[in-house]
Amino acid sequence: MLQEIRAERNITPPMMWCLVCPERHRSAAPRVSLCAMILSLARFGIASAAETKQLEKRWTKYREKNGLDIYGAVTFCRPRPSGRTLDD
């Protein structure tokens, strides 16, 4: 959704100097984590602080259970179940 808004308003990433070559290029497009999106619900009054905290806890549990990164994408390394060691 952020990319759609930026495209509609013709907002481009800032220019930066490349460390490899002495030229200016556009920086990478910003990414917003799901945790930041959840916290913005409370910041802009869409949800109460209690609802936001509960949603953040539920997201953390879901993310850990399904091996997702902070952006909601599947990670290549699935988390090891708690209580297990490498010798098991």
C-alpha atoms as a PDB file:
ATOM      1  CA  MET A   1       0.000   0.000   0.000  1.00  0.00           C
ATOM      2  CA  LEU A   2       2.849   2.379   0.797  1.00  0.00           C
ATOM      3  CA  GLN A   3       4.296   1.770  -2.659  1.00  0.00           C
ATOM      4  CA  GLU A   4       0.914   2.580  -4.236  1.00  0.00           C
ATOM      5  CA  ILE A   5       0.658   5.888  -2.376  1.00  0.00           C
ATOM      6  CA  ARG A   6       4.210   6.813  -3.346  1.00  0.00           C
ATOM      7  CA  ALA A   7       3.516   5.959  -7.001  1.00  0.00           C
ATOM      8  CA  GLU A   8       0.224   7.911  -7.102  1.00  0.00           C
ATOM      9  CA  ARG A   9       1.871  11.017  -5.653  1.00  0.00           C
ATOM     10  CA  ASN A  10       5.039  10.580  -7.717  1.00  0.00           C
ATOM     11  CA  ILE A  11       7.222  10.379  -4.604  1.00  0.00           C
ATOM     12  CA  THR A  12      10.654   8.985  -5.359  1.00  0.00           C
ATOM     13  CA  PRO A  13      13.342   7.795  -2.929  1.00  0.00           C
ATOM     14  CA  PRO A  14      16.119  10.278  -2.151  1.00  0.00           C
ATOM     15  CA  MET A  15      19.366  10.392  -4.096  1.00  0.00           C
ATOM     16  CA  MET A  16      22.516   8.973  -2.494  1.00  0.00           C
ATOM     17  CA  TRP A  17      26.193   8.667  -3.343  1.00  0.00           C
ATOM     18  CA  CYS A  18      27.276   5.119  -4.133  1.00  0.00           C
ATOM     19  CA  LEU A  19      30.245   3.914  -2.080  1.00  0.00           C
ATOM     20  CA  VAL A  20      31.386   1.594  -4.868  1.00  0.00           C
ATOM     21  CA  CYS A  21      31.245   3.964  -7.804  1.00  0.00           C
ATOM     22  CA  PRO A  22      31.436   7.764  -7.550  1.00  0.00           C
ATOM     23  CA  GLU A  23      27.911   8.274  -8.902  1.00  0.00           C
ATOM     24  CA  ARG A  24      24.546   9.263  -7.478  1.00  0.00           C
ATOM     25  CA  HIS A  25      21.691   6.760  -7.520  1.00  0.00           C
ATOM     26  CA  ARG A  26      18.229   6.498  -6.017  1.00  0.00           C
ATOM     27  CA  SER A  27      18.224   4.776  -2.651  1.00  0.00           C
ATOM     28  CA  ALA A  28      16.108   1.698  -2.035  1.00  0.00           C
ATOM     29  CA  ALA A  29      12.403   2.188  -1.444  1.00  0.00           C
ATOM     30  CA  PRO A  30      11.516   2.252   2.268  1.00  0.00           C
ATOM     31  CA  ARG A  31       9.944  -0.794   3.836  1.00  0.00           C
ATOM     32  CA  VAL A  32       7.531  -0.628   6.755  1.00  0.00           C
ATOM     33  CA  SER A  33       7.382  -3.522   9.193  1.00  0.00           C
ATOM     34  CA  LEU A  34       4.089  -4.932  10.414  1.00  0.00           C
ATOM     35  CA  CYS A  35       5.029  -3.980  13.960  1.00  0.00           C
ATOM     36  CA  ALA A  36       5.342  -0.345  12.847  1.00  0.00           C
ATOM     37  CA  MET A  37       1.944  -0.586  11.162  1.00  0.00           C
ATOM     38  CA  ILE A  38       0.401  -1.982  14.359  1.00  0.00           C
ATOM     39  CA  LEU A  39       1.934   0.798  16.472  1.00  0.00           C
ATOM     40  CA  SER A  40       0.622   3.403  14.028  1.00  0.00           C
ATOM     41  CA  LEU A  41      -2.934   2.240  14.840  1.00  0.00           C
ATOM     42  CA  ALA A  42      -2.547   3.623  18.362  1.00  0.00           C
ATOM     43  CA  ARG A  43      -0.605   6.682  17.259  1.00  0.00           C
ATOM     44  CA  PHE A  44      -3.357   7.854  14.909  1.00  0.00           C
ATOM     45  CA  GLY A  45      -6.223   6.872  17.220  1.00  0.00           C
ATOM     46  CA  ILE A  46      -7.534   4.009  15.081  1.00  0.00           C
ATOM     47  CA  ALA A  47      -7.217   1.525  17.951  1.00  0.00           C
ATOM     48  CA  SER A  48      -6.780   1.938  21.707  1.00  0.00           C
ATOM     49  CA  ALA A  49      -3.448   1.332  23.401  1.00  0.00           C
ATOM     50  CA  ALA A  50      -4.767  -1.901  24.963  1.00  0.00           C
ATOM     51  CA  GLU A  51      -5.995  -3.213  21.599  1.00  0.00           C
ATOM     52  CA  THR A  52      -2.685  -2.322  19.990  1.00  0.00           C
ATOM     53  CA  LYS A  53      -0.678  -4.090  22.682  1.00  0.00           C
ATOM     54  CA  GLN A  54      -2.843  -7.213  22.361  1.00  0.00           C
ATOM     55  CA  LEU A  55      -2.533  -7.169  18.568  1.00  0.00           C
ATOM     56  CA  GLU A  56       1.245  -6.745  18.815  1.00  0.00           C
ATOM     57  CA  LYS A  57       1.525  -9.758  21.135  1.00  0.00           C
ATOM     58  CA  ARG A  58      -0.670 -11.867  18.850  1.00  0.00           C
ATOM     59  CA  TRP A  59       1.403 -10.843  15.811  1.00  0.00           C
ATOM     60  CA  THR A  60       4.652 -11.764  17.601  1.00  0.00           C
ATOM     61  CA  LYS A  61       3.339 -15.226  18.490  1.00  0.00           C
ATOM     62  CA  TYR A  62       2.028 -15.774  14.951  1.00  0.00           C
ATOM     63  CA  ARG A  63       5.296 -14.563  13.419  1.00  0.00           C
ATOM     64  CA  GLU A  64       7.415 -16.864  15.576  1.00  0.00           C
ATOM     65  CA  LYS A  65       5.118 -19.861  15.025  1.00  0.00           C
ATOM     66  CA  ASN A  66       5.148 -19.496  11.236  1.00  0.00           C
ATOM     67  CA  GLY A  67       8.784 -18.423  10.791  1.00  0.00           C
ATOM     68  CA  LEU A  68       8.040 -14.962   9.387  1.00  0.00           C
ATOM     69  CA  ASP A  69      10.304 -11.936   9.351  1.00  0.00           C
ATOM     70  CA  ILE A  70       9.268  -8.460  10.540  1.00  0.00           C
ATOM     71  CA  TYR A  71       7.720  -7.719   7.145  1.00  0.00           C
ATOM     72  CA  GLY A  72       5.557 -10.864   7.141  1.00  0.00           C
ATOM     73  CA  ALA A  73       7.630 -12.746   4.574  1.00  0.00           C
ATOM     74  CA  VAL A  74       8.625 -16.373   5.121  1.00  0.00           C
ATOM     75  CA  THR A  75      12.202 -16.739   6.319  1.00  0.00           C
ATOM     76  CA  PHE A  76      14.432 -19.488   5.025  1.00  0.00           C
ATOM     77  CA  CYS A  77      15.405 -20.585   8.542  1.00  0.00           C
ATOM     78  CA  ARG A  78      12.505 -21.900  10.551  1.00  0.00           C
ATOM     79  CA  PRO A  79      12.841 -21.279  14.292  1.00  0.00           C
ATOM     80  CA  ARG A  80      13.921 -24.200  16.448  1.00  0.00           C
ATOM     81  CA  PRO A  81      11.180 -25.355  18.857  1.00  0.00           C
ATOM     82  CA  SER A  82      11.910 -24.153  22.374  1.00  0.00           C
ATOM     83  CA  GLY A  83      13.468 -26.603  24.798  1.00  0.00           C
ATOM     84  CA  ARG A  84      15.437 -28.510  22.151  1.00  0.00           C
ATOM     85  CA  THR A  85      19.193 -28.476  21.946  1.00  0.00           C
ATOM     86  CA  LEU A  86      21.558 -29.271  19.119  1.00  0.00           C
ATOM     87  CA  ASP A  87      22.387 -32.646  20.768  1.00  0.00           C
ATOM     88  CA  ASP A  88      18.752 -33.893  20.593  1.00  0.00           C
END
